[in-house]
Amino acid sequence: MSEKPMTVAEMARMGGLARAKVHSKAQIRAWGKQGGRPASLNGRALARLQKLLRAGKSQAECASIFGVSVRTIGRAATRISGPPALP
């Protein structure tokens, strides 16, 4: 066995080259721009969340309704209401 085993970087490079041969530059660029994890709450859910919060529901109650964490509801509520005003 005279050949060394491939490194992770070499394997990744080969995968990138194979992907480049199969797909166009435009497709690969579009995938790169997408990036990130999909949002837990879409536009319709954000509108419903806004109504629930204005109706007096707590963030914990809203989290159980949507099946997400309280932290996710908190981030969404901040996006809905905008950043806090500076003094």
C-alpha atoms as a PDB file:
ATOM      1  CA  MET A   1       0.000   0.000   0.000  1.00  0.00           C
ATOM      2  CA  SER A   2       2.037   2.904  -1.304  1.00  0.00           C
ATOM      3  CA  GLU A   3      -0.721   5.535  -1.521  1.00  0.00           C
ATOM      4  CA  LYS A   4      -1.583   7.641   1.476  1.00  0.00           C
ATOM      5  CA  PRO A   5      -5.241   7.831   2.519  1.00  0.00           C
ATOM      6  CA  MET A   6      -7.082  10.929   1.320  1.00  0.00           C
ATOM      7  CA  THR A   7      -7.504  13.837   3.675  1.00  0.00           C
ATOM      8  CA  VAL A   8     -10.880  15.396   4.397  1.00  0.00           C
ATOM      9  CA  ALA A   9      -9.877  18.514   2.461  1.00  0.00           C
ATOM     10  CA  GLU A  10      -8.999  16.423  -0.604  1.00  0.00           C
ATOM     11  CA  MET A  11     -12.320  14.595  -0.444  1.00  0.00           C
ATOM     12  CA  ALA A  12     -14.203  17.879  -0.136  1.00  0.00           C
ATOM     13  CA  ARG A  13     -12.310  19.316  -3.097  1.00  0.00           C
ATOM     14  CA  MET A  14     -13.226  16.285  -5.224  1.00  0.00           C
ATOM     15  CA  GLY A  15     -16.881  16.637  -4.243  1.00  0.00           C
ATOM     16  CA  GLY A  16     -16.833  20.295  -5.248  1.00  0.00           C
ATOM     17  CA  LEU A  17     -15.277  19.490  -8.627  1.00  0.00           C
ATOM     18  CA  ALA A  18     -17.842  16.757  -9.303  1.00  0.00           C
ATOM     19  CA  ARG A  19     -20.668  19.125  -8.354  1.00  0.00           C
ATOM     20  CA  ALA A  20     -19.226  21.802 -10.661  1.00  0.00           C
ATOM     21  CA  LYS A  21     -19.162  19.371 -13.597  1.00  0.00           C
ATOM     22  CA  VAL A  22     -22.815  18.362 -13.112  1.00  0.00           C
ATOM     23  CA  HIS A  23     -24.418  21.730 -12.280  1.00  0.00           C
ATOM     24  CA  SER A  24     -24.148  25.163 -13.870  1.00  0.00           C
ATOM     25  CA  LYS A  25     -22.438  28.109 -12.191  1.00  0.00           C
ATOM     26  CA  ALA A  26     -25.802  29.857 -11.872  1.00  0.00           C
ATOM     27  CA  GLN A  27     -27.317  26.895  -9.984  1.00  0.00           C
ATOM     28  CA  ILE A  28     -24.375  26.641  -7.598  1.00  0.00           C
ATOM     29  CA  ARG A  29     -24.416  30.419  -7.028  1.00  0.00           C
ATOM     30  CA  ALA A  30     -28.167  30.297  -6.259  1.00  0.00           C
ATOM     31  CA  TRP A  31     -27.615  27.537  -3.687  1.00  0.00           C
ATOM     32  CA  GLY A  32     -24.847  29.563  -2.069  1.00  0.00           C
ATOM     33  CA  LYS A  33     -27.054  32.645  -1.798  1.00  0.00           C
ATOM     34  CA  GLN A  34     -29.867  30.657  -0.198  1.00  0.00           C
ATOM     35  CA  GLY A  35     -27.831  29.575   2.788  1.00  0.00           C
ATOM     36  CA  GLY A  36     -28.865  29.375   6.394  1.00  0.00           C
ATOM     37  CA  ARG A  37     -31.512  27.438   8.188  1.00  0.00           C
ATOM     38  CA  PRO A  38     -35.132  27.808   7.041  1.00  0.00           C
ATOM     39  CA  ALA A  39     -37.274  30.110   9.166  1.00  0.00           C
ATOM     40  CA  SER A  40     -39.483  28.433  11.777  1.00  0.00           C
ATOM     41  CA  LEU A  41     -42.258  30.970  11.282  1.00  0.00           C
ATOM     42  CA  ASN A  42     -43.298  32.088   7.811  1.00  0.00           C
ATOM     43  CA  GLY A  43     -45.104  35.338   6.962  1.00  0.00           C
ATOM     44  CA  ARG A  44     -48.558  33.951   7.690  1.00  0.00           C
ATOM     45  CA  ALA A  45     -47.417  32.617  11.075  1.00  0.00           C
ATOM     46  CA  LEU A  46     -45.806  35.977  11.929  1.00  0.00           C
ATOM     47  CA  ALA A  47     -49.071  37.780  11.165  1.00  0.00           C
ATOM     48  CA  ARG A  48     -50.958  35.327  13.382  1.00  0.00           C
ATOM     49  CA  LEU A  49     -48.337  35.741  16.120  1.00  0.00           C
ATOM     50  CA  GLN A  50     -48.760  39.501  15.998  1.00  0.00           C
ATOM     51  CA  LYS A  51     -52.534  39.132  16.477  1.00  0.00           C
ATOM     52  CA  LEU A  52     -52.067  36.727  19.388  1.00  0.00           C
ATOM     53  CA  LEU A  53     -49.565  38.986  21.144  1.00  0.00           C
ATOM     54  CA  ARG A  54     -51.819  42.027  20.701  1.00  0.00           C
ATOM     55  CA  ALA A  55     -54.714  39.990  22.120  1.00  0.00           C
ATOM     56  CA  GLY A  56     -52.697  39.539  25.315  1.00  0.00           C
ATOM     57  CA  LYS A  57     -51.279  36.034  24.893  1.00  0.00           C
ATOM     58  CA  SER A  58     -47.904  35.481  26.529  1.00  0.00           C
ATOM     59  CA  GLN A  59     -44.850  34.451  24.539  1.00  0.00           C
ATOM     60  CA  ALA A  60     -44.897  31.060  26.281  1.00  0.00           C
ATOM     61  CA  GLU A  61     -48.510  30.467  25.219  1.00  0.00           C
ATOM     62  CA  CYS A  62     -47.664  31.471  21.652  1.00  0.00           C
ATOM     63  CA  ALA A  63     -44.667  29.140  21.658  1.00  0.00           C
ATOM     64  CA  SER A  64     -46.856  26.184  22.594  1.00  0.00           C
ATOM     65  CA  ILE A  65     -49.407  27.133  19.913  1.00  0.00           C
ATOM     66  CA  PHE A  66     -46.765  27.250  17.162  1.00  0.00           C
ATOM     67  CA  GLY A  67     -44.662  24.375  18.499  1.00  0.00           C
ATOM     68  CA  VAL A  68     -41.462  26.406  18.760  1.00  0.00           C
ATOM     69  CA  SER A  69     -39.314  27.643  21.635  1.00  0.00           C
ATOM     70  CA  VAL A  70     -40.037  30.766  23.668  1.00  0.00           C
ATOM     71  CA  ARG A  71     -36.742  32.161  22.391  1.00  0.00           C
ATOM     72  CA  THR A  72     -37.951  31.813  18.778  1.00  0.00           C
ATOM     73  CA  ILE A  73     -41.137  33.694  19.660  1.00  0.00           C
ATOM     74  CA  GLY A  74     -39.074  36.382  21.383  1.00  0.00           C
ATOM     75  CA  ARG A  75     -36.902  36.895  18.284  1.00  0.00           C
ATOM     76  CA  ALA A  76     -39.982  37.012  16.054  1.00  0.00           C
ATOM     77  CA  ALA A  77     -41.717  39.483  18.374  1.00  0.00           C
ATOM     78  CA  THR A  78     -38.663  41.739  18.202  1.00  0.00           C
ATOM     79  CA  ARG A  79     -38.739  41.581  14.395  1.00  0.00           C
ATOM     80  CA  ILE A  80     -42.454  42.427  14.381  1.00  0.00           C
ATOM     81  CA  SER A  81     -42.194  45.399  16.735  1.00  0.00           C
ATOM     82  CA  GLY A  82     -38.810  46.628  15.483  1.00  0.00           C
ATOM     83  CA  PRO A  83     -35.699  47.385  17.520  1.00  0.00           C
ATOM     84  CA  PRO A  84     -36.152  49.248  20.799  1.00  0.00           C
ATOM     85  CA  ALA A  85     -35.700  53.012  20.676  1.00  0.00           C
ATOM     86  CA  LEU A  86     -32.454  54.339  22.103  1.00  0.00           C
ATOM     87  CA  PRO A  87     -32.701  56.886  24.939  1.00  0.00           C
END
